[in-house]
């Protein structure tokens, strides 16, 4: 079977009338980035709270945080996304469920929420590991100089832990960007969905997904470079590999 390559298709008018096919893919990339950033901010906020709870001396706090992590970490993201999008509105009171179904851009908000919760469990585990890797003397030193437990976390433990876990956090952010592609299953028109649409319109599957691959790769390389620069700027000698 001979495949007819046609890179010029990228500059032809798309069938949805919104510009060229290349512009259509770039708009999909924009949706991907906005969705990923929104989900990542939610994941950081929730993961910060849950990760701290997992290392606190309070037994109930640790159990609640552990249950949260196990719940969201061990259910596949696709299943969670379907639960948020299809099941949750049916479990709520009818008026609230109908409001959710009629919400503009519901696929976008569902993805931000679902992906944020899913990734927050992973961020929480990274933060827990970072805090646990610190010498026990740091927490004792905070108590010795009169700091309360919240102050010890704020001024001693968390600044060091975040520096240590920047490399794994970079990987989690990259995973967040890539996981947005799953949202095409609930109708979010992000980059992968746009590439599929281009393939269906033109039957030029290799061109569509080659460009999508290059766009994903470019974004992730830029994120990696930015995080490496940040890691270098905030590194503490003796606590980061190679320094």
Protein backbone atom coordinates (compact mmCIF):
# COMPACT_ATOMS: atom_id res chain seq x y z
CA UNK A 1 0.00 0.00 0.00
CA UNK A 2 1.46 3.33 -1.09
CA UNK A 3 0.79 6.37 1.08
CA UNK A 4 0.56 9.74 -0.67
CA UNK A 5 2.37 12.29 1.47
CA UNK A 6 1.00 15.82 1.23
CA UNK A 7 2.50 18.32 3.65
CA UNK A 8 0.79 21.11 1.76
CA UNK A 9 -2.49 19.96 3.34
CA UNK A 10 -1.44 21.79 6.50
CA UNK A 11 -1.88 25.12 4.74
CA UNK A 12 -5.19 24.33 3.08
CA UNK A 13 -8.51 25.58 4.39
CA UNK A 14 -9.93 23.20 7.00
CA UNK A 15 -13.41 21.84 6.51
CA UNK A 16 -14.61 23.44 9.75
CA UNK A 17 -13.97 26.86 8.17
CA UNK A 18 -11.77 28.10 11.00
CA UNK A 19 -8.54 28.55 9.04
CA UNK A 20 -5.85 26.21 7.77
CA UNK A 21 -5.30 22.77 9.23
CA UNK A 22 -2.08 23.98 10.84
CA UNK A 23 -4.02 26.76 12.57
CA UNK A 24 -6.56 24.18 13.69
CA UNK A 25 -3.81 22.11 15.32
CA UNK A 26 -2.33 25.18 16.99
CA UNK A 27 -5.72 26.05 18.47
CA UNK A 28 -5.85 22.51 19.82
CA UNK A 29 -2.43 23.05 21.38
CA UNK A 30 -3.73 26.20 23.04
CA UNK A 31 -6.59 24.26 24.61
CA UNK A 32 -4.14 21.58 25.73
CA UNK A 33 -1.89 24.12 27.45
CA UNK A 34 -4.71 26.01 29.17
CA UNK A 35 -6.21 22.74 30.40
CA UNK A 36 -2.85 21.42 31.62
CA UNK A 37 -1.93 24.62 33.45
CA UNK A 38 -5.33 24.80 35.15
CA UNK A 39 -5.14 21.17 36.23
CA UNK A 40 -1.55 21.57 37.40
CA UNK A 41 -2.36 24.57 39.59
CA UNK A 42 -5.17 22.58 41.20
CA UNK A 43 -2.88 19.57 41.60
CA UNK A 44 -0.20 21.66 43.30
CA UNK A 45 -2.68 23.25 45.72
CA UNK A 46 -4.35 19.96 46.69
CA UNK A 47 -1.10 17.99 46.64
CA UNK A 48 0.53 20.55 48.92
CA UNK A 49 -2.19 20.15 51.54
CA UNK A 50 -2.42 16.35 51.31
CA UNK A 51 1.35 15.90 51.23
CA UNK A 52 1.77 17.94 54.40
CA UNK A 53 -1.04 16.00 56.09
CA UNK A 54 0.74 12.73 55.30
CA UNK A 55 3.80 13.83 57.30
CA UNK A 56 2.07 15.49 60.25
CA UNK A 57 2.22 13.86 63.69
CA UNK A 58 -1.59 13.66 63.73
CA UNK A 59 -2.84 10.10 63.14
CA UNK A 60 -6.28 11.11 61.75
CA UNK A 61 -4.66 13.59 59.33
CA UNK A 62 -2.31 10.90 58.06
CA UNK A 63 -5.13 8.40 57.57
CA UNK A 64 -7.34 10.88 55.71
CA UNK A 65 -4.45 11.91 53.46
CA UNK A 66 -3.46 8.29 52.82
CA UNK A 67 -7.03 7.39 51.86
CA UNK A 68 -7.13 10.37 49.48
CA UNK A 69 -3.88 9.34 47.80
CA UNK A 70 -4.87 5.70 47.43
CA UNK A 71 -8.28 6.63 46.03
CA UNK A 72 -7.08 8.96 43.29
CA UNK A 73 -3.78 7.24 42.53
CA UNK A 74 -5.11 3.72 42.01
CA UNK A 75 -8.08 4.41 39.72
CA UNK A 76 -7.14 4.94 36.03
CA UNK A 77 -7.53 8.53 34.92
CA UNK A 78 -9.89 7.58 32.09
CA UNK A 79 -12.25 5.91 34.58
CA UNK A 80 -12.10 8.93 36.87
CA UNK A 81 -12.82 11.24 33.97
CA UNK A 82 -15.92 9.25 33.02
CA UNK A 83 -17.07 9.28 36.65
CA UNK A 84 -16.72 13.05 36.86
CA UNK A 85 -18.40 13.67 33.51
CA UNK A 86 -21.15 11.05 33.28
CA UNK A 87 -21.81 9.75 36.80
CA UNK A 88 -21.44 12.76 39.11
CA UNK A 89 -24.32 14.79 37.54
CA UNK A 90 -26.62 11.80 38.06
CA UNK A 91 -25.71 11.48 41.73
CA UNK A 92 -26.34 15.12 42.57
CA UNK A 93 -29.79 16.66 43.14
CA UNK A 94 -31.58 17.00 39.80
CA UNK A 95 -31.34 20.77 39.60
CA UNK A 96 -27.60 20.76 40.28
CA UNK A 97 -27.05 17.83 37.92
CA UNK A 98 -28.90 19.61 35.13
CA UNK A 99 -26.85 22.73 35.77
CA UNK A 100 -23.64 20.75 35.43
CA UNK A 101 -24.80 19.15 32.19
CA UNK A 102 -25.68 22.55 30.72
CA UNK A 103 -22.48 24.22 31.89
CA UNK A 104 -20.62 25.89 28.98
CA UNK A 105 -17.31 24.18 28.24
CA UNK A 106 -18.24 21.37 30.62
CA UNK A 107 -15.66 19.05 29.06
CA UNK A 108 -12.92 21.60 29.80
CA UNK A 109 -13.92 22.14 33.42
CA UNK A 110 -14.40 18.42 33.98
CA UNK A 111 -10.91 17.72 32.65
CA UNK A 112 -9.31 20.42 34.78
CA UNK A 113 -11.08 19.10 37.86
CA UNK A 114 -10.54 15.40 37.18
CA UNK A 115 -6.93 15.75 36.07
CA UNK A 116 -6.19 18.10 38.96
CA UNK A 117 -7.44 15.59 41.53
CA UNK A 118 -5.69 12.71 39.80
CA UNK A 119 -2.33 14.46 39.65
CA UNK A 120 -2.67 15.93 43.15
CA UNK A 121 -2.30 12.43 44.63
CA UNK A 122 0.99 12.05 42.80
CA UNK A 123 2.19 15.50 43.86
CA UNK A 124 1.27 14.67 47.46
CA UNK A 125 3.43 11.55 47.34
CA UNK A 126 6.34 13.51 45.89
CA UNK A 127 6.05 16.10 48.65
CA UNK A 128 5.77 13.43 51.33
CA UNK A 129 8.91 11.77 50.02
CA UNK A 130 10.72 15.10 49.90
CA UNK A 131 9.83 15.98 53.50
CA UNK A 132 10.68 12.46 54.69
CA UNK A 133 14.10 12.65 53.03
CA UNK A 134 15.12 15.63 55.16
CA UNK A 135 17.21 14.99 58.28
CA UNK A 136 15.05 14.58 61.37
CA UNK A 137 17.16 17.22 63.05
CA UNK A 138 15.65 19.97 60.92
CA UNK A 139 12.22 19.48 62.45
CA UNK A 140 13.73 19.23 65.92
CA UNK A 141 15.75 22.39 65.32
CA UNK A 142 12.59 24.26 64.40
CA UNK A 143 10.95 23.16 67.63
CA UNK A 144 14.10 24.02 69.60
CA UNK A 145 14.05 27.66 68.49
CA UNK A 146 10.38 28.01 69.40
CA UNK A 147 8.68 27.53 66.04
CA UNK A 148 5.21 26.01 66.00
CA UNK A 149 4.54 23.00 63.78
CA UNK A 150 2.99 25.15 60.97
CA UNK A 151 5.95 27.56 61.20
CA UNK A 152 8.42 24.69 61.06
CA UNK A 153 6.78 23.43 57.88
CA UNK A 154 6.59 26.89 56.34
CA UNK A 155 10.08 28.17 57.10
CA UNK A 156 12.19 24.99 57.42
CA UNK A 157 10.76 21.85 55.86
CA UNK A 158 8.75 22.95 52.81
CA UNK A 159 11.36 25.30 51.26
CA UNK A 160 13.90 22.46 51.35
CA UNK A 161 11.46 19.75 50.26
CA UNK A 162 10.27 21.68 47.21
CA UNK A 163 13.85 22.15 46.05
CA UNK A 164 14.49 18.42 46.38
CA UNK A 165 11.36 17.33 44.49
CA UNK A 166 11.64 19.74 41.55
CA UNK A 167 12.91 16.98 39.17
CA UNK A 168 9.98 14.58 39.88
CA UNK A 169 7.56 17.52 39.81
CA UNK A 170 8.83 18.28 36.32
CA UNK A 171 7.93 14.74 35.26
CA UNK A 172 4.48 15.09 36.81
CA UNK A 173 3.86 18.36 34.96
CA UNK A 174 4.87 16.68 31.69
CA UNK A 175 2.46 13.84 32.52
CA UNK A 176 -0.27 16.41 33.12
CA UNK A 177 0.26 17.88 29.65
CA UNK A 178 0.19 14.44 28.03
CA UNK A 179 -2.82 13.23 30.03
CA UNK A 180 -4.97 15.99 28.55
CA UNK A 181 -5.17 13.86 25.41
CA UNK A 182 -7.48 11.47 27.27
CA UNK A 183 -10.08 14.25 27.45
CA UNK A 184 -10.99 13.78 23.78
CA UNK A 185 -13.15 10.89 25.03
CA UNK A 186 -15.54 13.37 26.68
CA UNK A 187 -15.46 15.87 23.83
CA UNK A 188 -12.65 18.26 24.74
CA UNK A 189 -11.24 19.51 21.45
CA UNK A 190 -7.56 19.62 22.40
CA UNK A 191 -4.51 18.83 20.27
CA UNK A 192 -5.02 15.08 19.87
CA UNK A 193 -8.71 15.58 19.08
CA UNK A 194 -7.80 18.18 16.45
CA UNK A 195 -5.28 15.80 14.90
CA UNK A 196 -7.95 13.11 14.70
CA UNK A 197 -10.36 15.59 13.13
CA UNK A 198 -7.76 16.55 10.52
CA UNK A 199 -7.17 12.89 9.75
CA UNK A 200 -10.89 12.29 9.29
CA UNK A 201 -11.29 15.36 7.07
CA UNK A 202 -8.27 14.73 4.85
CA UNK A 203 -7.24 11.08 5.36
CA UNK A 204 -3.67 12.40 5.82
CA UNK A 205 -3.10 10.57 9.09
CA UNK A 206 0.68 10.72 9.15
CA UNK A 207 0.87 14.46 8.51
CA UNK A 208 -1.72 15.20 11.21
CA UNK A 209 -0.13 13.12 13.93
CA UNK A 210 3.44 13.99 12.95
CA UNK A 211 2.69 17.67 13.52
CA UNK A 212 0.86 16.85 16.77
CA UNK A 213 3.87 14.84 17.93
CA UNK A 214 6.25 17.68 17.13
CA UNK A 215 4.05 20.15 19.01
CA UNK A 216 3.86 17.92 22.09
CA UNK A 217 7.61 17.31 21.95
CA UNK A 218 8.41 21.02 21.57
CA UNK A 219 6.23 22.03 24.51
CA UNK A 220 7.64 19.32 26.76
CA UNK A 221 11.24 20.17 25.87
CA UNK A 222 10.59 23.83 26.69
CA UNK A 223 9.02 22.86 30.01
CA UNK A 224 11.99 20.62 30.82
CA UNK A 225 14.48 23.38 30.01
CA UNK A 226 12.57 25.88 32.13
CA UNK A 227 12.37 23.51 35.09
CA UNK A 228 16.07 22.65 34.81
CA UNK A 229 16.87 26.35 34.93
CA UNK A 230 14.64 26.79 37.99
CA UNK A 231 16.19 23.74 39.64
CA UNK A 232 19.66 25.17 39.08
CA UNK A 233 18.68 28.57 40.49
CA UNK A 234 17.16 27.25 43.73
CA UNK A 235 19.44 24.24 44.31
CA UNK A 236 20.92 23.83 47.79
CA UNK A 237 24.43 22.33 47.81
CA UNK A 238 24.44 18.82 49.22
CA UNK A 239 20.71 18.22 48.71
CA UNK A 240 20.56 17.91 44.92
CA UNK A 241 22.20 15.18 42.87
CA UNK A 242 25.39 16.42 41.24
CA UNK A 243 25.67 19.50 43.48
